[in-house]
Amino acid sequence: KEENEQLSQELRRSQSNEARVCFQLQEVQAKHRSVVLKTESTLLDQISDLRSNHSAEVTALQQNIDELLSERQQNKTHKEEILQLRDKLELSRQSNRKLSATEDQYQKCRNKLNNLLDVEQELKREEEAHAKCIEQCFAYKNELKSLRQIKQQAEEYKSNFANAEVRLM
């Protein structure tokens, strides 16, 4: 009886711990999703801003180059300014390449994050299966205990039957 009570207490503690861990897991998942969405939104906004700024800068630089080339025919003194603008254009192109690399990294991070979410779901399924197994073990223990009592009663009945037969003879 004490063992059954201890097992019951242990089961209640396990269930309480399981409920607490599940609640904590849900909180962590919610926070994680929130952070992911905020990060994703921020990165998308930054990428959009960078593209807009980059595109505007490239367009402006290209326009400046075109204007300077037409003035160059009139005045050869603008040659240095044109070279500087070309350097800026090259830097902008390099920035564009870096932006593409950053976008690739972002996509890889997003894929890894999706994989982590899959792992979290698998962990939750494993925890649920583990909890079911624990419940099954307790059920088997209780069933074994009741079978022991039934066996003891059967032995008592057998003994009583043998004694009754001996008395009848």
C-alpha atoms as a PDB file:
ATOM      1  CA  LYS A   1       0.000   0.000   0.000  1.00  0.00           C
ATOM      2  CA  GLU A   2       2.868   2.339   0.857  1.00  0.00           C
ATOM      3  CA  GLU A   3       4.564   1.480  -2.424  1.00  0.00           C
ATOM      4  CA  ASN A   4       1.353   2.299  -4.278  1.00  0.00           C
ATOM      5  CA  GLU A   5       1.096   5.625  -2.448  1.00  0.00           C
ATOM      6  CA  GLN A   6       4.727   6.382  -3.210  1.00  0.00           C
ATOM      7  CA  LEU A   7       4.167   5.526  -6.847  1.00  0.00           C
ATOM      8  CA  SER A   8       1.056   7.679  -6.889  1.00  0.00           C
ATOM      9  CA  GLN A   9       2.990  10.574  -5.349  1.00  0.00           C
ATOM     10  CA  GLU A  10       5.795  10.044  -7.821  1.00  0.00           C
ATOM     11  CA  LEU A  11       3.267   9.965 -10.655  1.00  0.00           C
ATOM     12  CA  ARG A  12       1.693  13.222  -9.445  1.00  0.00           C
ATOM     13  CA  ARG A  13       5.142  14.833  -9.188  1.00  0.00           C
ATOM     14  CA  SER A  14       6.044  13.567 -12.649  1.00  0.00           C
ATOM     15  CA  GLN A  15       2.776  14.829 -14.084  1.00  0.00           C
ATOM     16  CA  SER A  16       3.255  18.166 -12.334  1.00  0.00           C
ATOM     17  CA  ASN A  17       6.804  18.421 -13.647  1.00  0.00           C
ATOM     18  CA  GLU A  18       5.628  17.392 -17.094  1.00  0.00           C
ATOM     19  CA  ALA A  19       2.907  20.058 -17.065  1.00  0.00           C
ATOM     20  CA  ARG A  20       5.419  22.665 -15.899  1.00  0.00           C
ATOM     21  CA  VAL A  21       7.948  21.626 -18.570  1.00  0.00           C
ATOM     22  CA  CYS A  22       5.252  21.618 -21.279  1.00  0.00           C
ATOM     23  CA  PHE A  23       4.158  25.093 -20.197  1.00  0.00           C
ATOM     24  CA  GLN A  24       7.765  26.301 -20.217  1.00  0.00           C
ATOM     25  CA  LEU A  25       8.281  24.700 -23.623  1.00  0.00           C
ATOM     26  CA  GLN A  26       5.227  26.477 -24.986  1.00  0.00           C
ATOM     27  CA  GLU A  27       6.471  29.776 -23.558  1.00  0.00           C
ATOM     28  CA  VAL A  28       9.914  29.240 -25.075  1.00  0.00           C
ATOM     29  CA  GLN A  29       8.366  28.301 -28.414  1.00  0.00           C
ATOM     30  CA  ALA A  30       6.175  31.408 -28.356  1.00  0.00           C
ATOM     31  CA  LYS A  31       9.132  33.634 -27.483  1.00  0.00           C
ATOM     32  CA  HIS A  32      11.239  31.888 -30.103  1.00  0.00           C
ATOM     33  CA  ARG A  33       8.605  32.400 -32.797  1.00  0.00           C
ATOM     34  CA  SER A  34       8.262  36.044 -31.770  1.00  0.00           C
ATOM     35  CA  VAL A  35      12.009  36.613 -31.967  1.00  0.00           C
ATOM     36  CA  VAL A  36      12.184  34.825 -35.311  1.00  0.00           C
ATOM     37  CA  LEU A  37       9.366  36.897 -36.750  1.00  0.00           C
ATOM     38  CA  LYS A  38      10.851  40.151 -35.416  1.00  0.00           C
ATOM     39  CA  THR A  39      14.294  39.255 -36.724  1.00  0.00           C
ATOM     40  CA  GLU A  40      12.924  38.196 -40.057  1.00  0.00           C
ATOM     41  CA  SER A  41      10.868  41.379 -40.356  1.00  0.00           C
ATOM     42  CA  THR A  42      13.839  43.540 -39.381  1.00  0.00           C
ATOM     43  CA  LEU A  43      16.136  41.795 -41.840  1.00  0.00           C
ATOM     44  CA  LEU A  44      13.604  42.070 -44.651  1.00  0.00           C
ATOM     45  CA  ASP A  45      13.145  45.781 -43.906  1.00  0.00           C
ATOM     46  CA  GLN A  46      16.908  46.294 -43.840  1.00  0.00           C
ATOM     47  CA  ILE A  47      17.369  44.398 -47.094  1.00  0.00           C
ATOM     48  CA  SER A  48      14.591  46.409 -48.701  1.00  0.00           C
ATOM     49  CA  ASP A  49      16.095  49.675 -47.443  1.00  0.00           C
ATOM     50  CA  LEU A  50      19.554  48.649 -48.630  1.00  0.00           C
ATOM     51  CA  ARG A  51      18.210  47.745 -52.046  1.00  0.00           C
ATOM     52  CA  SER A  52      16.310  51.010 -52.336  1.00  0.00           C
ATOM     53  CA  ASN A  53      19.290  53.048 -51.190  1.00  0.00           C
ATOM     54  CA  HIS A  54      21.631  51.076 -53.359  1.00  0.00           C
ATOM     55  CA  SER A  55      19.416  51.353 -56.406  1.00  0.00           C
ATOM     56  CA  ALA A  56      18.949  55.087 -55.876  1.00  0.00           C
ATOM     57  CA  GLU A  57      22.676  55.542 -55.328  1.00  0.00           C
ATOM     58  CA  VAL A  58      23.574  53.534 -58.430  1.00  0.00           C
ATOM     59  CA  THR A  59      21.073  55.494 -60.504  1.00  0.00           C
ATOM     60  CA  ALA A  60      22.345  58.791 -59.141  1.00  0.00           C
ATOM     61  CA  LEU A  61      25.955  57.813 -59.738  1.00  0.00           C
ATOM     62  CA  GLN A  62      25.202  56.653 -63.255  1.00  0.00           C
ATOM     63  CA  GLN A  63      23.451  59.943 -63.977  1.00  0.00           C
ATOM     64  CA  ASN A  64      26.438  61.831 -62.609  1.00  0.00           C
ATOM     65  CA  ILE A  65      28.786  59.821 -64.803  1.00  0.00           C
ATOM     66  CA  ASP A  66      26.687  60.523 -67.884  1.00  0.00           C
ATOM     67  CA  GLU A  67      26.555  64.254 -67.123  1.00  0.00           C
ATOM     68  CA  LEU A  68      30.277  64.402 -66.520  1.00  0.00           C
ATOM     69  CA  LEU A  69      31.044  62.575 -69.728  1.00  0.00           C
ATOM     70  CA  SER A  70      29.106  65.141 -71.732  1.00  0.00           C
ATOM     71  CA  GLU A  71      30.871  67.965 -69.907  1.00  0.00           C
ATOM     72  CA  ARG A  72      34.215  66.298 -70.484  1.00  0.00           C
ATOM     73  CA  GLN A  73      33.921  66.931 -74.152  1.00  0.00           C
ATOM     74  CA  GLN A  74      33.549  70.579 -73.281  1.00  0.00           C
ATOM     75  CA  ASN A  75      36.058  70.645 -70.493  1.00  0.00           C
ATOM     76  CA  LYS A  76      38.804  68.112 -69.842  1.00  0.00           C
ATOM     77  CA  THR A  77      39.266  69.250 -66.239  1.00  0.00           C
ATOM     78  CA  HIS A  78      36.441  67.026 -64.979  1.00  0.00           C
ATOM     79  CA  LYS A  79      38.401  63.854 -65.631  1.00  0.00           C
ATOM     80  CA  GLU A  80      39.340  63.300 -61.974  1.00  0.00           C
ATOM     81  CA  GLU A  81      35.770  63.730 -60.785  1.00  0.00           C
ATOM     82  CA  ILE A  82      34.561  61.130 -63.277  1.00  0.00           C
ATOM     83  CA  LEU A  83      37.179  58.675 -62.053  1.00  0.00           C
ATOM     84  CA  GLN A  84      36.047  59.210 -58.461  1.00  0.00           C
ATOM     85  CA  LEU A  85      32.443  58.587 -59.406  1.00  0.00           C
ATOM     86  CA  ARG A  86      33.456  55.407 -61.202  1.00  0.00           C
ATOM     87  CA  ASP A  87      35.225  54.251 -58.073  1.00  0.00           C
ATOM     88  CA  LYS A  88      32.069  54.917 -56.087  1.00  0.00           C
ATOM     89  CA  LEU A  89      30.083  52.978 -58.661  1.00  0.00           C
ATOM     90  CA  GLU A  90      32.495  50.053 -58.331  1.00  0.00           C
ATOM     91  CA  LEU A  91      32.150  50.217 -54.553  1.00  0.00           C
ATOM     92  CA  SER A  92      28.383  50.196 -54.971  1.00  0.00           C
ATOM     93  CA  ARG A  93      28.628  47.134 -57.185  1.00  0.00           C
ATOM     94  CA  GLN A  94      30.793  45.428 -54.583  1.00  0.00           C
ATOM     95  CA  SER A  95      28.190  46.353 -51.987  1.00  0.00           C
ATOM     96  CA  ASN A  96      25.566  44.788 -54.230  1.00  0.00           C
ATOM     97  CA  ARG A  97      27.572  41.544 -54.359  1.00  0.00           C
ATOM     98  CA  LYS A  98      27.909  41.602 -50.584  1.00  0.00           C
ATOM     99  CA  LEU A  99      24.178  42.201 -50.298  1.00  0.00           C
ATOM    100  CA  SER A 100      23.539  39.105 -52.412  1.00  0.00           C
ATOM    101  CA  ALA A 101      25.852  37.088 -50.155  1.00  0.00           C
ATOM    102  CA  THR A 102      23.991  38.432 -47.111  1.00  0.00           C
ATOM    103  CA  GLU A 103      20.689  37.389 -48.622  1.00  0.00           C
ATOM    104  CA  ASP A 104      22.074  33.882 -49.178  1.00  0.00           C
ATOM    105  CA  GLN A 105      23.205  33.747 -45.543  1.00  0.00           C
ATOM    106  CA  TYR A 106      19.797  34.932 -44.438  1.00  0.00           C
ATOM    107  CA  GLN A 107      18.132  32.133 -46.428  1.00  0.00           C
ATOM    108  CA  LYS A 108      20.472  29.535 -44.920  1.00  0.00           C
ATOM    109  CA  CYS A 109      19.717  30.836 -41.413  1.00  0.00           C
ATOM    110  CA  ARG A 110      16.018  30.692 -42.120  1.00  0.00           C
ATOM    111  CA  ASN A 111      16.323  27.083 -43.325  1.00  0.00           C
ATOM    112  CA  LYS A 112      18.262  26.149 -40.188  1.00  0.00           C
ATOM    113  CA  LEU A 113      15.622  27.841 -38.073  1.00  0.00           C
ATOM    114  CA  ASN A 114      12.889  25.849 -39.805  1.00  0.00           C
ATOM    115  CA  ASN A 115      14.867  22.683 -39.123  1.00  0.00           C
ATOM    116  CA  LEU A 116      15.090  23.661 -35.440  1.00  0.00           C
ATOM    117  CA  LEU A 117      11.334  24.109 -35.317  1.00  0.00           C
ATOM    118  CA  ASP A 118      10.977  20.584 -36.737  1.00  0.00           C
ATOM    119  CA  VAL A 119      13.333  19.282 -34.055  1.00  0.00           C
ATOM    120  CA  GLU A 120      11.256  21.004 -31.364  1.00  0.00           C
ATOM    121  CA  GLN A 121       8.112  19.306 -32.636  1.00  0.00           C
ATOM    122  CA  GLU A 122       9.859  15.920 -32.688  1.00  0.00           C
ATOM    123  CA  LEU A 123      11.051  16.488 -29.112  1.00  0.00           C
ATOM    124  CA  LYS A 124       7.515  17.251 -28.034  1.00  0.00           C
ATOM    125  CA  ARG A 125       6.264  14.032 -29.656  1.00  0.00           C
ATOM    126  CA  GLU A 126       9.027  12.076 -27.920  1.00  0.00           C
ATOM    127  CA  GLU A 127       8.105  13.631 -24.564  1.00  0.00           C
ATOM    128  CA  GLU A 128       4.473  12.678 -25.059  1.00  0.00           C
ATOM    129  CA  ALA A 129       5.441   9.089 -25.949  1.00  0.00           C
ATOM    130  CA  HIS A 130       7.678   8.961 -22.869  1.00  0.00           C
ATOM    131  CA  ALA A 131       4.844  10.152 -20.646  1.00  0.00           C
ATOM    132  CA  LYS A 132       2.560   7.447 -22.090  1.00  0.00           C
ATOM    133  CA  CYS A 133       5.198   4.814 -21.376  1.00  0.00           C
ATOM    134  CA  ILE A 134       5.503   5.989 -17.772  1.00  0.00           C
ATOM    135  CA  GLU A 135       1.743   5.812 -17.345  1.00  0.00           C
ATOM    136  CA  GLN A 136       1.776   2.284 -18.841  1.00  0.00           C
ATOM    137  CA  CYS A 137       4.493   1.223 -16.368  1.00  0.00           C
ATOM    138  CA  PHE A 138       2.436   2.456 -13.430  1.00  0.00           C
ATOM    139  CA  ALA A 139      -0.596   0.632 -14.761  1.00  0.00           C
ATOM    140  CA  TYR A 140       1.429  -2.580 -15.060  1.00  0.00           C
ATOM    141  CA  LYS A 141       2.742  -2.182 -11.521  1.00  0.00           C
ATOM    142  CA  ASN A 142      -0.779  -1.705 -10.183  1.00  0.00           C
ATOM    143  CA  GLU A 143      -2.016  -4.702 -12.155  1.00  0.00           C
ATOM    144  CA  LEU A 144       0.852  -6.832 -10.839  1.00  0.00           C
ATOM    145  CA  LYS A 145       0.006  -5.827  -7.283  1.00  0.00           C
ATOM    146  CA  SER A 146      -3.646  -6.803  -7.737  1.00  0.00           C
ATOM    147  CA  LEU A 147      -2.611 -10.113  -9.365  1.00  0.00           C
ATOM    148  CA  ARG A 148      -0.416 -10.904  -6.350  1.00  0.00           C
ATOM    149  CA  GLN A 149      -3.404 -10.376  -4.069  1.00  0.00           C
ATOM    150  CA  ILE A 150      -5.562 -12.605  -6.273  1.00  0.00           C
ATOM    151  CA  LYS A 151      -2.842 -15.302  -6.252  1.00  0.00           C
ATOM    152  CA  GLN A 152      -2.649 -15.123  -2.468  1.00  0.00           C
ATOM    153  CA  GLN A 153      -6.434 -15.478  -2.215  1.00  0.00           C
ATOM    154  CA  ALA A 154      -6.367 -18.431  -4.633  1.00  0.00           C
ATOM    155  CA  GLU A 155      -3.735 -20.136  -2.487  1.00  0.00           C
ATOM    156  CA  GLU A 156      -5.847 -19.533   0.626  1.00  0.00           C
ATOM    157  CA  TYR A 157      -8.920 -21.016  -1.122  1.00  0.00           C
ATOM    158  CA  LYS A 158      -6.859 -24.007  -2.239  1.00  0.00           C
ATOM    159  CA  SER A 159      -5.593 -24.548   1.302  1.00  0.00           C
ATOM    160  CA  ASN A 160      -9.101 -24.195   2.730  1.00  0.00           C
ATOM    161  CA  PHE A 161     -10.408 -26.631   0.122  1.00  0.00           C
ATOM    162  CA  ALA A 162      -7.707 -29.181   1.006  1.00  0.00           C
ATOM    163  CA  ASN A 163      -8.480 -28.779   4.729  1.00  0.00           C
ATOM    164  CA  ALA A 164     -12.191 -29.221   4.037  1.00  0.00           C
ATOM    165  CA  GLU A 165     -11.513 -32.393   2.038  1.00  0.00           C
ATOM    166  CA  VAL A 166      -9.373 -33.764   4.843  1.00  0.00           C
ATOM    167  CA  ARG A 167     -12.135 -33.037   7.365  1.00  0.00           C
ATOM    168  CA  LEU A 168     -14.731 -34.743   5.155  1.00  0.00           C
ATOM    169  CA  MET A 169     -12.767 -37.908   4.907  1.00  0.00           C
END
